[in-house]
Amino acid sequence: MITDNFKFVDSFDDPSITSETIRLYHRRKSVSEALATFADDMKSKLQRDGVSFTVCTSRDTKKTSGSLGNLHETQDLQVVKLLNQKVREPRTLLFYPTCLFVSTINKGKAYSQSETLMMLDVPSQADVNNRVPIMLWRPPYANSELERNLDHRSPPSRETLLANNWKEVKVEYCRERLVTRAHVSACRGQYTITHVAASTVSHVMDKQVQIRDVMDMQDQIRYLSGVLNENQD
C-alpha cells in the first residue's frame, strides 16, 4: 500500500511541494522554521501575482524572572527561540485575501481553539501596527467546498460567504502571557492565530483533527512523506 500510494522526496525543497502544501513535523522548532519559510515564499508569490498583503511581526518582550521591572522589547535570538518553542503564535503573520489561519485560543461562541478561519479583507499596515482587531471568516464546517477552492487571485465576495453560512468573527491581539526559562521571562505580542501551513503531528492528533479535513489526498501523501523523511534524518 505504501509503495502504491506514498511519494517519497529528499526534502521539502522538492518542486512537487508547493506553498499550499501543509507540513507536519514532530518538533515545534521545525514548525517555526516552516512557517517562516511559508511567509517568505508566499510574499514572493503574491508579489508576482500583483496581490496586496500586510505583514505583522510580533512584539517580543522580556524581563528578568521574578523582577518587578517592566517587560521591554527585545530582538534577542534566544528569547525569540524560547517563544517559538512555547507559544503557538508565530514571529511573522502574513495577511492576504483567502489566507487560512488556525485560532490559538477559544473565543466563546465566536470560534474555538484550532478552528480554521479565513481572511477576506486585508487590514492596513497602520491598523496592524496599532494592534487593531482584525476580521476573519469562520466556515460553517470543516473542509467545506468553498474553503477547498479558495484562490488569493480571485477571492469570494462577502455576499458569497454569507450565502454559504460563513460567519464573520473578530480576532484580537493577544494579551500578555509570560513564559519562563531559567532567569528570563518573555512574552509574545501577536494576533491569536497561526498559519495553516505547518503543525506538529502530536498537536493534530491531540485535537483529533483529521488530516483529510485540511488537504486533499495528494497533499496527505506529501505530508506523510515529509514526516517519514524527517524521522529518518
Protein backbone atom coordinates (compact mmCIF):
# COMPACT_ATOMS: atom_id res chain seq x y z
CA MET A 1 0.00 0.00 0.00
CA ILE A 2 2.80 2.42 0.87
CA THR A 3 4.57 1.71 -2.43
CA ASP A 4 1.39 2.40 -4.39
CA ASN A 5 0.21 5.50 -2.51
CA PHE A 6 3.22 7.27 -0.97
CA LYS A 7 5.60 9.53 -2.81
CA PHE A 8 8.96 9.92 -1.11
CA VAL A 9 11.07 13.02 -1.64
CA ASP A 10 14.53 14.04 -0.47
CA SER A 11 13.36 17.22 1.25
CA PHE A 12 10.63 19.85 1.40
CA ASP A 13 12.54 21.70 -1.33
CA ASP A 14 11.17 19.20 -3.86
CA PRO A 15 9.23 21.04 -6.64
CA SER A 16 6.15 18.89 -6.03
CA ILE A 17 5.75 20.51 -2.59
CA THR A 18 4.23 23.94 -3.11
CA SER A 19 3.50 26.84 -0.74
CA GLU A 20 -0.05 25.48 -0.40
CA THR A 21 1.18 22.14 0.98
CA ILE A 22 0.74 21.79 4.73
CA ARG A 23 3.73 20.31 6.52
CA LEU A 24 3.64 18.07 9.60
CA TYR A 25 6.64 17.70 11.91
CA HIS A 26 7.37 16.02 15.22
CA ARG A 27 9.26 19.05 16.62
CA ARG A 28 7.92 22.57 17.23
CA LYS A 29 11.28 24.01 16.14
CA SER A 30 10.71 22.59 12.67
CA VAL A 31 7.20 24.08 12.62
CA SER A 32 8.54 27.57 13.40
CA GLU A 33 11.10 27.30 10.61
CA ALA A 34 8.46 26.05 8.17
CA LEU A 35 6.12 28.94 8.99
CA ALA A 36 8.90 31.45 8.33
CA THR A 37 9.66 29.78 5.01
CA PHE A 38 5.96 29.78 4.12
CA ALA A 39 5.71 33.54 4.75
CA ASP A 40 8.75 34.27 2.57
CA ASP A 41 7.54 32.01 -0.24
CA MET A 42 4.04 33.49 -0.20
CA LYS A 43 5.37 37.06 -0.26
CA SER A 44 7.20 36.27 -3.49
CA LYS A 45 4.14 34.57 -4.96
CA LEU A 46 1.79 37.42 -4.03
CA GLN A 47 4.19 39.97 -5.49
CA ARG A 48 4.31 38.01 -8.77
CA ASP A 49 0.52 37.83 -8.84
CA GLY A 50 0.11 41.52 -8.01
CA VAL A 51 -1.85 40.81 -4.80
CA SER A 52 -1.57 43.24 -1.89
CA PHE A 53 -0.59 41.91 1.53
CA THR A 54 0.30 43.10 5.02
CA VAL A 55 2.97 41.73 7.35
CA CYS A 56 2.60 41.56 11.11
CA THR A 57 5.81 40.96 13.07
CA SER A 58 5.33 40.02 16.69
CA ARG A 59 6.38 42.29 19.54
CA ASP A 60 8.62 40.10 21.69
CA THR A 61 9.46 41.36 25.17
CA LYS A 62 11.43 40.08 28.15
CA LYS A 63 12.46 40.80 31.73
CA THR A 64 14.45 39.08 34.45
CA SER A 65 12.34 36.39 36.10
CA GLY A 66 10.94 37.41 39.47
CA SER A 67 11.80 41.08 39.00
CA LEU A 68 9.31 43.89 39.44
CA GLY A 69 10.57 45.63 36.33
CA ASN A 70 8.55 46.11 33.19
CA LEU A 71 8.88 44.00 30.08
CA HIS A 72 10.98 45.61 27.37
CA GLU A 73 11.10 44.84 23.67
CA THR A 74 13.89 42.58 22.52
CA GLN A 75 15.41 41.06 19.39
CA ASP A 76 17.45 38.57 21.43
CA LEU A 77 17.59 35.39 19.34
CA GLN A 78 17.49 33.18 22.44
CA VAL A 79 14.29 34.86 23.59
CA VAL A 80 12.75 34.55 20.12
CA LYS A 81 13.70 30.87 20.12
CA LEU A 82 12.14 30.38 23.56
CA LEU A 83 8.89 31.99 22.44
CA ASN A 84 8.84 29.97 19.21
CA GLN A 85 9.01 26.83 21.34
CA LYS A 86 6.47 27.86 23.97
CA VAL A 87 3.71 29.73 22.14
CA ARG A 88 1.69 28.87 19.03
CA GLU A 89 1.60 32.37 17.59
CA PRO A 90 4.41 32.78 15.03
CA ARG A 91 7.01 35.52 14.81
CA THR A 92 5.54 36.65 11.46
CA LEU A 93 1.99 36.61 10.14
CA LEU A 94 1.19 37.33 6.50
CA PHE A 95 -2.22 38.81 5.73
CA TYR A 96 -3.67 38.43 2.23
CA PRO A 97 -7.08 37.58 0.68
CA THR A 98 -8.21 33.95 1.28
CA CYS A 99 -5.32 33.26 3.66
CA LEU A 100 -6.25 30.45 6.06
CA PHE A 101 -5.38 30.56 9.75
CA VAL A 102 -5.88 28.39 12.81
CA SER A 103 -7.06 30.05 16.00
CA THR A 104 -4.79 29.61 19.01
CA ILE A 105 -7.37 30.38 21.73
CA ASN A 106 -11.03 29.81 22.50
CA LYS A 107 -13.21 32.85 21.87
CA GLY A 108 -16.50 31.97 23.49
CA LYS A 109 -19.21 31.23 20.92
CA ALA A 110 -17.33 33.03 18.14
CA TYR A 111 -14.76 30.30 17.48
CA SER A 112 -12.76 27.59 19.20
CA GLN A 113 -9.07 26.86 19.54
CA SER A 114 -7.64 25.16 16.42
CA GLU A 115 -10.63 26.21 14.31
CA THR A 116 -9.91 27.29 10.73
CA LEU A 117 -10.50 30.95 9.87
CA MET A 118 -10.14 32.77 6.56
CA MET A 119 -9.16 36.36 5.74
CA LEU A 120 -11.13 38.30 3.14
CA ASP A 121 -10.38 41.98 3.78
CA VAL A 122 -6.69 42.68 4.35
CA PRO A 123 -6.03 45.15 7.20
CA SER A 124 -3.83 48.18 6.57
CA GLN A 125 -0.26 48.22 7.83
CA ALA A 126 -1.22 51.12 10.13
CA ASP A 127 -4.03 49.09 11.72
CA VAL A 128 -1.72 46.12 12.24
CA ASN A 129 0.98 48.31 13.74
CA ASN A 130 -1.61 49.75 16.12
CA ARG A 131 -2.86 46.25 17.02
CA VAL A 132 -6.39 46.94 15.82
CA PRO A 133 -8.55 43.77 15.89
CA ILE A 134 -8.87 42.07 12.52
CA MET A 135 -11.93 40.46 10.95
CA LEU A 136 -11.81 36.87 9.70
CA TRP A 137 -14.42 34.40 8.47
CA ARG A 138 -15.33 31.05 10.01
CA PRO A 139 -16.62 28.34 7.65
CA PRO A 140 -19.84 26.52 8.61
CA TYR A 141 -17.99 23.20 8.85
CA ALA A 142 -14.53 21.78 8.20
CA ASN A 143 -13.41 21.16 4.63
CA SER A 144 -16.36 22.97 3.05
CA GLU A 145 -16.35 23.09 -0.74
CA LEU A 146 -15.80 26.85 -0.80
CA GLU A 147 -12.85 26.51 1.61
CA ARG A 148 -11.20 23.90 -0.62
CA ASN A 149 -11.40 26.15 -3.69
CA LEU A 150 -10.07 29.44 -2.33
CA ASP A 151 -7.77 31.45 -4.60
CA HIS A 152 -6.00 34.62 -3.49
CA ARG A 153 -6.17 35.92 -7.08
CA SER A 154 -9.98 35.70 -7.09
CA PRO A 155 -11.35 35.84 -3.52
CA PRO A 156 -15.06 35.23 -2.90
CA SER A 157 -17.34 38.15 -2.19
CA ARG A 158 -18.77 38.93 1.21
CA GLU A 159 -22.21 38.07 -0.19
CA THR A 160 -21.00 34.64 -1.32
CA LEU A 161 -19.60 33.85 2.12
CA LEU A 162 -22.81 34.90 3.86
CA ALA A 163 -24.91 32.89 1.39
CA ASN A 164 -22.80 29.83 2.27
CA ASN A 165 -23.27 30.38 6.02
CA TRP A 166 -19.79 31.65 6.79
CA LYS A 167 -19.63 33.85 9.88
CA GLU A 168 -17.51 36.97 10.33
CA VAL A 169 -15.55 36.97 13.61
CA LYS A 170 -13.17 39.35 15.36
CA VAL A 171 -9.61 38.31 16.22
CA GLU A 172 -7.69 40.42 18.70
CA TYR A 173 -4.06 40.98 19.57
CA CYS A 174 -3.13 38.54 22.34
CA ARG A 175 -2.90 39.58 25.95
CA GLU A 176 0.30 39.22 27.95
CA ARG A 177 1.16 35.56 28.51
CA LEU A 178 4.50 35.07 30.21
CA VAL A 179 6.73 32.08 29.55
CA THR A 180 9.79 31.47 31.70
CA ARG A 181 13.06 29.62 31.36
CA ALA A 182 15.96 29.92 33.80
CA HIS A 183 16.25 33.62 34.66
CA VAL A 184 14.25 35.01 31.73
CA SER A 185 10.52 35.70 31.45
CA ALA A 186 9.27 36.58 27.98
CA CYS A 187 6.05 37.43 26.20
CA ARG A 188 4.98 37.49 22.54
CA GLY A 189 2.53 40.11 21.33
CA GLN A 190 0.76 38.78 18.23
CA TYR A 191 -2.71 38.13 16.88
CA THR A 192 -4.12 34.88 18.30
CA ILE A 193 -3.83 32.89 15.09
CA THR A 194 -1.23 30.94 13.18
CA HIS A 195 -0.98 29.99 9.53
CA VAL A 196 -2.45 26.76 8.20
CA ALA A 197 0.93 25.84 6.77
CA ALA A 198 2.68 23.66 9.35
CA SER A 199 1.94 21.85 12.58
CA THR A 200 3.22 19.11 14.83
CA VAL A 201 1.87 15.60 14.44
CA SER A 202 1.09 15.45 18.16
CA HIS A 203 -0.99 18.65 18.01
CA VAL A 204 -3.03 17.34 15.11
CA MET A 205 -3.64 14.05 16.90
CA ASP A 206 -4.37 15.67 20.28
CA LYS A 207 -7.02 17.87 18.71
CA GLN A 208 -8.41 14.92 16.76
CA VAL A 209 -8.08 16.92 13.56
CA GLN A 210 -8.33 14.58 10.62
CA ILE A 211 -5.70 15.28 8.00
CA ARG A 212 -8.28 14.96 5.24
CA ASP A 213 -10.10 17.95 6.70
CA VAL A 214 -7.34 20.32 5.62
CA MET A 215 -5.88 18.79 2.49
CA ASP A 216 -6.67 16.52 -0.42
CA MET A 217 -5.25 13.01 -0.82
CA GLN A 218 -2.25 14.19 -2.81
CA ASP A 219 -1.34 16.61 -0.05
CA GLN A 220 -1.74 13.87 2.56
CA ILE A 221 0.86 11.82 0.72
CA ARG A 222 3.23 14.83 0.58
CA TYR A 223 2.75 15.39 4.31
CA LEU A 224 3.39 11.86 5.35
CA SER A 225 6.38 11.60 3.05
CA GLY A 226 7.92 14.63 4.73
CA VAL A 227 7.28 13.28 8.21
CA LEU A 228 8.92 9.98 7.35
CA ASN A 229 11.90 11.72 5.80
CA GLU A 230 12.35 13.93 8.85
CA ASN A 231 12.24 10.92 11.17
CA GLN A 232 14.92 9.23 9.10
CA ASP A 233 17.35 12.17 9.50
